Amino acid sequence: MTTPNLTRNQSLVYDALSRTQAPLSAYVILDKLRDAGFRAPLQVYRALEKLIELGLVHRLESLNAFVACAHTQTDCCTHHHGSVAFAICNACGQVTEFHDHQVDHSLGHWAKSQKFKAEKTTIEIRGLCEACAS
């Protein structure tokens, strides 16, 4: 994915998340980036905040961890369409990001009928991935 102009810290945090298959907490990111000069959690949190704002990173609420957006620039996050959904395996920790237009439509219809202005929708499904369920 082509990334916008990022600061050095933002680039380092984004690269750390992009290189791993598992979600990372801010403190794990800090540990991974100590050799690059990171000393305080605030450095990581500031970078994460901007990366989330840009749609390059997602926060998994139930894990208090972060993942790089799995979709390309034309697919997903830079267009900020609807909800972002994640299937999280309780056994191996695998996280699969997906998007479902029907779910978006249903949630949008509900919000409109309730005169509720949704600002962010993140769906997390916890269970077992195919490999772990076998």
N, C-alpha and C. Protein backbone atom coordinates (compact mmCIF):
# COMPACT_ATOMS: atom_id res chain seq x y z
N MET A 1 0.85 -1.17 0.00
CA MET A 1 0.00 0.00 0.00
C MET A 1 0.89 1.23 0.00
N THR A 2 0.51 2.23 -0.73
CA THR A 2 1.23 3.49 -0.72
C THR A 2 0.81 4.26 0.51
N THR A 3 1.79 4.66 1.30
CA THR A 3 1.46 5.40 2.51
C THR A 3 1.68 6.88 2.28
N PRO A 4 0.86 7.71 2.91
CA PRO A 4 1.05 9.15 2.80
C PRO A 4 2.36 9.54 3.51
N ASN A 5 2.69 10.81 3.47
CA ASN A 5 3.90 11.27 4.15
C ASN A 5 3.74 11.05 5.65
N LEU A 6 4.54 10.14 6.16
CA LEU A 6 4.51 9.82 7.58
C LEU A 6 5.77 10.32 8.24
N THR A 7 5.66 10.63 9.52
CA THR A 7 6.86 10.98 10.28
C THR A 7 7.71 9.71 10.45
N ARG A 8 8.91 9.89 10.92
CA ARG A 8 9.80 8.75 11.14
C ARG A 8 9.16 7.76 12.11
N ASN A 9 8.64 8.26 13.23
CA ASN A 9 8.03 7.38 14.22
C ASN A 9 6.80 6.66 13.66
N GLN A 10 5.96 7.39 12.92
CA GLN A 10 4.79 6.76 12.32
C GLN A 10 5.20 5.65 11.35
N SER A 11 6.22 5.92 10.55
CA SER A 11 6.70 4.90 9.60
C SER A 11 7.23 3.67 10.31
N LEU A 12 7.98 3.88 11.39
CA LEU A 12 8.53 2.75 12.14
C LEU A 12 7.43 1.91 12.78
N VAL A 13 6.44 2.56 13.36
CA VAL A 13 5.32 1.84 13.97
C VAL A 13 4.54 1.09 12.91
N TYR A 14 4.25 1.76 11.80
CA TYR A 14 3.50 1.12 10.71
C TYR A 14 4.27 -0.09 10.16
N ASP A 15 5.57 0.06 9.96
CA ASP A 15 6.38 -1.06 9.46
C ASP A 15 6.39 -2.22 10.45
N ALA A 16 6.47 -1.93 11.74
CA ALA A 16 6.45 -2.99 12.75
C ALA A 16 5.14 -3.77 12.68
N LEU A 17 4.04 -3.06 12.52
CA LEU A 17 2.74 -3.74 12.43
C LEU A 17 2.58 -4.48 11.11
N SER A 18 3.10 -3.91 10.03
CA SER A 18 2.97 -4.54 8.72
C SER A 18 3.78 -5.82 8.59
N ARG A 19 4.86 -5.91 9.35
CA ARG A 19 5.75 -7.07 9.27
C ARG A 19 5.28 -8.26 10.10
N THR A 20 4.27 -8.08 10.90
CA THR A 20 3.82 -9.17 11.76
C THR A 20 2.43 -9.64 11.36
N GLN A 21 2.15 -10.88 11.62
CA GLN A 21 0.84 -11.45 11.32
C GLN A 21 -0.11 -11.34 12.50
N ALA A 22 0.41 -10.99 13.66
CA ALA A 22 -0.40 -10.97 14.87
C ALA A 22 -0.63 -9.53 15.33
N PRO A 23 -1.71 -9.29 16.04
CA PRO A 23 -1.91 -7.97 16.61
C PRO A 23 -0.85 -7.68 17.68
N LEU A 24 -0.47 -6.42 17.80
CA LEU A 24 0.56 -6.04 18.77
C LEU A 24 0.02 -4.97 19.70
N SER A 25 0.36 -5.08 20.98
CA SER A 25 0.02 -4.02 21.92
C SER A 25 1.02 -2.89 21.75
N ALA A 26 0.69 -1.73 22.27
CA ALA A 26 1.59 -0.58 22.18
C ALA A 26 2.92 -0.89 22.88
N TYR A 27 2.87 -1.65 23.96
CA TYR A 27 4.11 -1.95 24.70
C TYR A 27 4.99 -2.95 23.95
N VAL A 28 4.38 -3.87 23.21
CA VAL A 28 5.17 -4.78 22.37
C VAL A 28 5.82 -3.99 21.23
N ILE A 29 5.07 -3.06 20.66
CA ILE A 29 5.63 -2.20 19.61
C ILE A 29 6.81 -1.41 20.18
N LEU A 30 6.64 -0.85 21.36
CA LEU A 30 7.71 -0.10 22.02
C LEU A 30 8.95 -0.97 22.17
N ASP A 31 8.79 -2.20 22.65
CA ASP A 31 9.93 -3.11 22.80
C ASP A 31 10.62 -3.39 21.47
N LYS A 32 9.82 -3.56 20.41
CA LYS A 32 10.39 -3.85 19.09
C LYS A 32 11.17 -2.66 18.54
N LEU A 33 10.82 -1.45 18.98
CA LEU A 33 11.41 -0.24 18.40
C LEU A 33 12.41 0.46 19.32
N ARG A 34 12.78 -0.18 20.40
CA ARG A 34 13.75 0.45 21.31
C ARG A 34 15.08 0.73 20.62
N ASP A 35 15.53 -0.19 19.76
CA ASP A 35 16.80 0.02 19.05
C ASP A 35 16.72 1.18 18.05
N ALA A 36 15.49 1.55 17.68
CA ALA A 36 15.30 2.68 16.75
C ALA A 36 15.14 4.00 17.51
N GLY A 37 15.31 3.97 18.83
CA GLY A 37 15.26 5.19 19.61
C GLY A 37 13.98 5.43 20.37
N PHE A 38 13.03 4.52 20.32
CA PHE A 38 11.81 4.69 21.08
C PHE A 38 12.10 4.43 22.55
N ARG A 39 11.66 5.34 23.41
CA ARG A 39 11.92 5.21 24.84
C ARG A 39 10.65 5.25 25.68
N ALA A 40 9.58 5.84 25.16
CA ALA A 40 8.38 6.05 25.97
C ALA A 40 7.13 5.59 25.22
N PRO A 41 6.16 5.05 25.96
CA PRO A 41 4.91 4.62 25.33
C PRO A 41 4.22 5.75 24.56
N LEU A 42 4.37 6.98 25.04
CA LEU A 42 3.72 8.11 24.38
C LEU A 42 4.15 8.23 22.91
N GLN A 43 5.41 7.91 22.61
CA GLN A 43 5.88 7.95 21.22
C GLN A 43 5.07 6.99 20.36
N VAL A 44 4.81 5.80 20.89
CA VAL A 44 4.05 4.80 20.14
C VAL A 44 2.60 5.22 20.02
N TYR A 45 2.01 5.66 21.12
CA TYR A 45 0.60 6.05 21.10
C TYR A 45 0.32 7.22 20.15
N ARG A 46 1.22 8.18 20.11
CA ARG A 46 1.04 9.30 19.17
C ARG A 46 1.08 8.82 17.72
N ALA A 47 2.03 7.95 17.42
CA ALA A 47 2.13 7.41 16.06
C ALA A 47 0.89 6.59 15.72
N LEU A 48 0.45 5.75 16.66
CA LEU A 48 -0.74 4.92 16.42
C LEU A 48 -1.98 5.79 16.18
N GLU A 49 -2.11 6.84 16.96
CA GLU A 49 -3.27 7.74 16.82
C GLU A 49 -3.36 8.29 15.39
N LYS A 50 -2.24 8.74 14.86
CA LYS A 50 -2.23 9.29 13.50
C LYS A 50 -2.46 8.19 12.46
N LEU A 51 -1.85 7.03 12.66
CA LEU A 51 -2.03 5.92 11.72
C LEU A 51 -3.48 5.44 11.68
N ILE A 52 -4.14 5.45 12.82
CA ILE A 52 -5.57 5.10 12.87
C ILE A 52 -6.38 6.15 12.14
N GLU A 53 -6.05 7.41 12.38
CA GLU A 53 -6.75 8.52 11.71
C GLU A 53 -6.62 8.40 10.19
N LEU A 54 -5.46 7.97 9.71
CA LEU A 54 -5.21 7.82 8.28
C LEU A 54 -5.81 6.53 7.71
N GLY A 55 -6.33 5.65 8.58
CA GLY A 55 -6.91 4.40 8.12
C GLY A 55 -5.90 3.33 7.79
N LEU A 56 -4.66 3.50 8.26
CA LEU A 56 -3.61 2.53 7.97
C LEU A 56 -3.52 1.45 9.04
N VAL A 57 -4.08 1.74 10.21
CA VAL A 57 -4.00 0.82 11.35
C VAL A 57 -5.37 0.78 12.01
N HIS A 58 -5.70 -0.39 12.56
CA HIS A 58 -6.95 -0.57 13.30
C HIS A 58 -6.62 -0.98 14.73
N ARG A 59 -7.47 -0.55 15.65
CA ARG A 59 -7.35 -0.99 17.05
C ARG A 59 -8.36 -2.09 17.28
N LEU A 60 -7.90 -3.20 17.80
CA LEU A 60 -8.79 -4.29 18.20
C LEU A 60 -9.16 -4.05 19.65
N GLU A 61 -10.38 -3.62 19.87
CA GLU A 61 -10.83 -3.21 21.20
C GLU A 61 -10.72 -4.34 22.21
N SER A 62 -11.15 -5.54 21.82
CA SER A 62 -11.19 -6.64 22.79
C SER A 62 -9.80 -7.13 23.19
N LEU A 63 -8.80 -6.86 22.37
CA LEU A 63 -7.43 -7.28 22.66
C LEU A 63 -6.55 -6.13 23.14
N ASN A 64 -7.06 -4.90 23.03
CA ASN A 64 -6.26 -3.72 23.30
C ASN A 64 -4.94 -3.81 22.53
N ALA A 65 -5.07 -4.11 21.23
CA ALA A 65 -3.91 -4.30 20.36
C ALA A 65 -4.22 -3.68 19.00
N PHE A 66 -3.19 -3.65 18.16
CA PHE A 66 -3.29 -2.94 16.89
C PHE A 66 -2.84 -3.85 15.74
N VAL A 67 -3.44 -3.63 14.56
CA VAL A 67 -3.05 -4.36 13.35
C VAL A 67 -3.00 -3.37 12.20
N ALA A 68 -2.12 -3.65 11.24
CA ALA A 68 -2.10 -2.85 10.02
C ALA A 68 -3.32 -3.22 9.20
N CYS A 69 -3.87 -2.26 8.48
CA CYS A 69 -5.02 -2.52 7.61
C CYS A 69 -4.62 -3.57 6.59
N ALA A 70 -5.47 -4.57 6.42
CA ALA A 70 -5.17 -5.68 5.52
C ALA A 70 -5.53 -5.39 4.07
N HIS A 71 -6.23 -4.31 3.81
CA HIS A 71 -6.69 -4.02 2.46
C HIS A 71 -5.81 -3.00 1.76
N THR A 72 -5.88 -3.02 0.46
CA THR A 72 -5.10 -2.05 -0.31
C THR A 72 -5.77 -0.69 -0.23
N GLN A 73 -5.06 0.30 -0.67
CA GLN A 73 -5.55 1.67 -0.60
C GLN A 73 -6.89 1.82 -1.33
N THR A 74 -7.06 1.14 -2.45
CA THR A 74 -8.31 1.29 -3.20
C THR A 74 -9.43 0.47 -2.60
N ASP A 75 -9.10 -0.54 -1.79
CA ASP A 75 -10.12 -1.41 -1.21
C ASP A 75 -10.80 -0.82 0.00
N CYS A 76 -10.02 -0.21 0.87
CA CYS A 76 -10.54 -0.10 2.23
C CYS A 76 -10.40 1.26 2.85
N CYS A 77 -9.52 1.28 3.75
CA CYS A 77 -9.55 2.23 4.84
C CYS A 77 -9.41 3.68 4.43
N THR A 78 -8.73 3.96 3.36
CA THR A 78 -8.58 5.36 2.99
C THR A 78 -9.90 5.93 2.48
N HIS A 79 -10.85 5.09 2.16
CA HIS A 79 -12.17 5.57 1.77
C HIS A 79 -13.12 5.61 2.96
N HIS A 80 -12.74 5.05 4.08
CA HIS A 80 -13.52 5.08 5.31
C HIS A 80 -14.98 4.69 5.07
N HIS A 81 -15.18 3.57 4.39
CA HIS A 81 -16.54 3.14 4.14
C HIS A 81 -17.02 2.22 5.25
N GLY A 82 -18.11 2.57 5.85
CA GLY A 82 -18.79 1.68 6.76
C GLY A 82 -17.95 1.06 7.85
N SER A 83 -18.29 -0.17 8.15
CA SER A 83 -17.68 -0.86 9.28
C SER A 83 -16.44 -1.62 8.87
N VAL A 84 -15.63 -1.88 9.86
CA VAL A 84 -14.48 -2.76 9.71
C VAL A 84 -14.75 -3.94 10.63
N ALA A 85 -14.52 -5.15 10.12
CA ALA A 85 -14.81 -6.34 10.92
C ALA A 85 -13.57 -7.23 11.00
N PHE A 86 -13.47 -7.91 12.14
CA PHE A 86 -12.34 -8.80 12.38
C PHE A 86 -12.83 -10.11 12.95
N ALA A 87 -12.29 -11.21 12.45
CA ALA A 87 -12.49 -12.53 13.04
C ALA A 87 -11.20 -12.84 13.78
N ILE A 88 -11.30 -13.09 15.08
CA ILE A 88 -10.13 -13.28 15.95
C ILE A 88 -10.19 -14.69 16.52
N CYS A 89 -9.15 -15.49 16.22
CA CYS A 89 -9.10 -16.86 16.73
C CYS A 89 -8.62 -16.85 18.18
N ASN A 90 -9.41 -17.45 19.05
CA ASN A 90 -9.07 -17.52 20.47
C ASN A 90 -7.92 -18.48 20.75
N ALA A 91 -7.64 -19.40 19.83
CA ALA A 91 -6.60 -20.39 20.05
C ALA A 91 -5.23 -19.92 19.55
N CYS A 92 -5.15 -19.53 18.28
CA CYS A 92 -3.85 -19.18 17.70
C CYS A 92 -3.61 -17.68 17.58
N GLY A 93 -4.65 -16.89 17.79
CA GLY A 93 -4.50 -15.44 17.73
C GLY A 93 -4.59 -14.83 16.34
N GLN A 94 -4.83 -15.66 15.32
CA GLN A 94 -4.93 -15.15 13.95
C GLN A 94 -6.07 -14.14 13.86
N VAL A 95 -5.83 -13.03 13.16
CA VAL A 95 -6.84 -12.01 12.96
C VAL A 95 -7.06 -11.85 11.46
N THR A 96 -8.33 -11.97 11.05
CA THR A 96 -8.69 -11.79 9.66
C THR A 96 -9.60 -10.58 9.55
N GLU A 97 -9.18 -9.61 8.74
CA GLU A 97 -9.98 -8.41 8.53
C GLU A 97 -10.90 -8.64 7.33
N PHE A 98 -12.15 -8.22 7.46
CA PHE A 98 -13.07 -8.35 6.33
C PHE A 98 -14.09 -7.22 6.36
N HIS A 99 -14.80 -7.09 5.27
CA HIS A 99 -15.81 -6.05 5.12
C HIS A 99 -17.03 -6.67 4.46
N ASP A 100 -18.21 -6.36 4.98
CA ASP A 100 -19.45 -6.91 4.44
C ASP A 100 -20.43 -5.77 4.20
N HIS A 101 -20.76 -5.55 2.94
CA HIS A 101 -21.64 -4.45 2.57
C HIS A 101 -23.06 -4.64 3.11
N GLN A 102 -23.52 -5.89 3.23
CA GLN A 102 -24.85 -6.15 3.79
C GLN A 102 -24.92 -5.71 5.25
N VAL A 103 -23.88 -6.01 5.99
CA VAL A 103 -23.84 -5.60 7.40
C VAL A 103 -23.84 -4.08 7.47
N ASP A 104 -23.03 -3.45 6.63
CA ASP A 104 -23.01 -1.98 6.59
C ASP A 104 -24.41 -1.42 6.33
N HIS A 105 -25.08 -2.00 5.36
CA HIS A 105 -26.41 -1.54 4.99
C HIS A 105 -27.37 -1.70 6.17
N SER A 106 -27.35 -2.86 6.81
CA SER A 106 -28.24 -3.12 7.94
C SER A 106 -27.97 -2.17 9.10
N LEU A 107 -26.70 -1.97 9.43
CA LEU A 107 -26.35 -1.06 10.52
C LEU A 107 -26.72 0.38 10.16
N GLY A 108 -26.48 0.76 8.93
CA GLY A 108 -26.84 2.11 8.48
C GLY A 108 -28.33 2.34 8.55
N HIS A 109 -29.10 1.33 8.14
CA HIS A 109 -30.57 1.43 8.19
C HIS A 109 -31.04 1.58 9.64
N TRP A 110 -30.48 0.77 10.53
CA TRP A 110 -30.85 0.86 11.95
C TRP A 110 -30.52 2.25 12.49
N ALA A 111 -29.30 2.72 12.25
CA ALA A 111 -28.88 4.03 12.76
C ALA A 111 -29.80 5.14 12.24
N LYS A 112 -30.13 5.07 10.96
CA LYS A 112 -31.01 6.09 10.38
C LYS A 112 -32.40 6.04 11.03
N SER A 113 -32.92 4.83 11.23
CA SER A 113 -34.26 4.70 11.83
C SER A 113 -34.29 5.19 13.28
N GLN A 114 -33.15 5.15 13.95
CA GLN A 114 -33.05 5.61 15.34
C GLN A 114 -32.54 7.04 15.45
N LYS A 115 -32.30 7.66 14.27
CA LYS A 115 -31.73 9.01 14.23
C LYS A 115 -30.42 9.07 15.02
N PHE A 116 -29.65 8.01 14.87
CA PHE A 116 -28.35 7.87 15.54
C PHE A 116 -27.26 8.12 14.53
N LYS A 117 -26.33 9.02 14.85
CA LYS A 117 -25.24 9.33 13.93
C LYS A 117 -24.01 8.53 14.35
N ALA A 118 -23.80 7.41 13.66
CA ALA A 118 -22.64 6.56 13.97
C ALA A 118 -21.37 7.23 13.47
N GLU A 119 -20.33 7.18 14.28
CA GLU A 119 -19.04 7.75 13.90
C GLU A 119 -18.03 6.69 13.55
N LYS A 120 -18.17 5.52 14.16
CA LYS A 120 -17.20 4.45 13.94
C LYS A 120 -17.87 3.13 14.27
N THR A 121 -17.66 2.14 13.43
CA THR A 121 -18.20 0.81 13.70
C THR A 121 -17.08 -0.21 13.52
N THR A 122 -16.80 -0.93 14.58
CA THR A 122 -15.82 -2.00 14.53
C THR A 122 -16.49 -3.25 15.06
N ILE A 123 -16.44 -4.31 14.27
CA ILE A 123 -17.06 -5.57 14.66
C ILE A 123 -15.94 -6.57 14.91
N GLU A 124 -16.00 -7.23 16.05
CA GLU A 124 -15.01 -8.26 16.38
C GLU A 124 -15.75 -9.56 16.67
N ILE A 125 -15.42 -10.59 15.93
CA ILE A 125 -16.00 -11.91 16.13
C ILE A 125 -14.91 -12.79 16.73
N ARG A 126 -15.17 -13.35 17.90
CA ARG A 126 -14.20 -14.20 18.58
C ARG A 126 -14.63 -15.65 18.42
N GLY A 127 -13.68 -16.52 18.17
CA GLY A 127 -13.97 -17.94 18.03
C GLY A 127 -12.73 -18.69 17.61
N LEU A 128 -12.91 -19.73 16.79
CA LEU A 128 -11.80 -20.55 16.31
C LEU A 128 -11.71 -20.47 14.81
N CYS A 129 -10.49 -20.26 14.31
CA CYS A 129 -10.27 -20.26 12.86
C CYS A 129 -10.43 -21.70 12.35
N GLU A 130 -10.45 -21.84 11.05
CA GLU A 130 -10.65 -23.16 10.42
C GLU A 130 -9.61 -24.18 10.91
N ALA A 131 -8.35 -23.77 10.95
CA ALA A 131 -7.29 -24.70 11.34
C ALA A 131 -7.45 -25.14 12.79
N CYS A 132 -7.77 -24.22 13.68
CA CYS A 132 -7.90 -24.56 15.10
C CYS A 132 -9.19 -25.32 15.40
N ALA A 133 -10.22 -25.11 14.60
CA ALA A 133 -11.49 -25.78 14.82
C ALA A 133 -11.46 -27.24 14.35
N SER A 134 -10.47 -27.57 13.51
CA SER A 134 -10.38 -28.94 12.97
C SER A 134 -9.95 -29.94 14.02
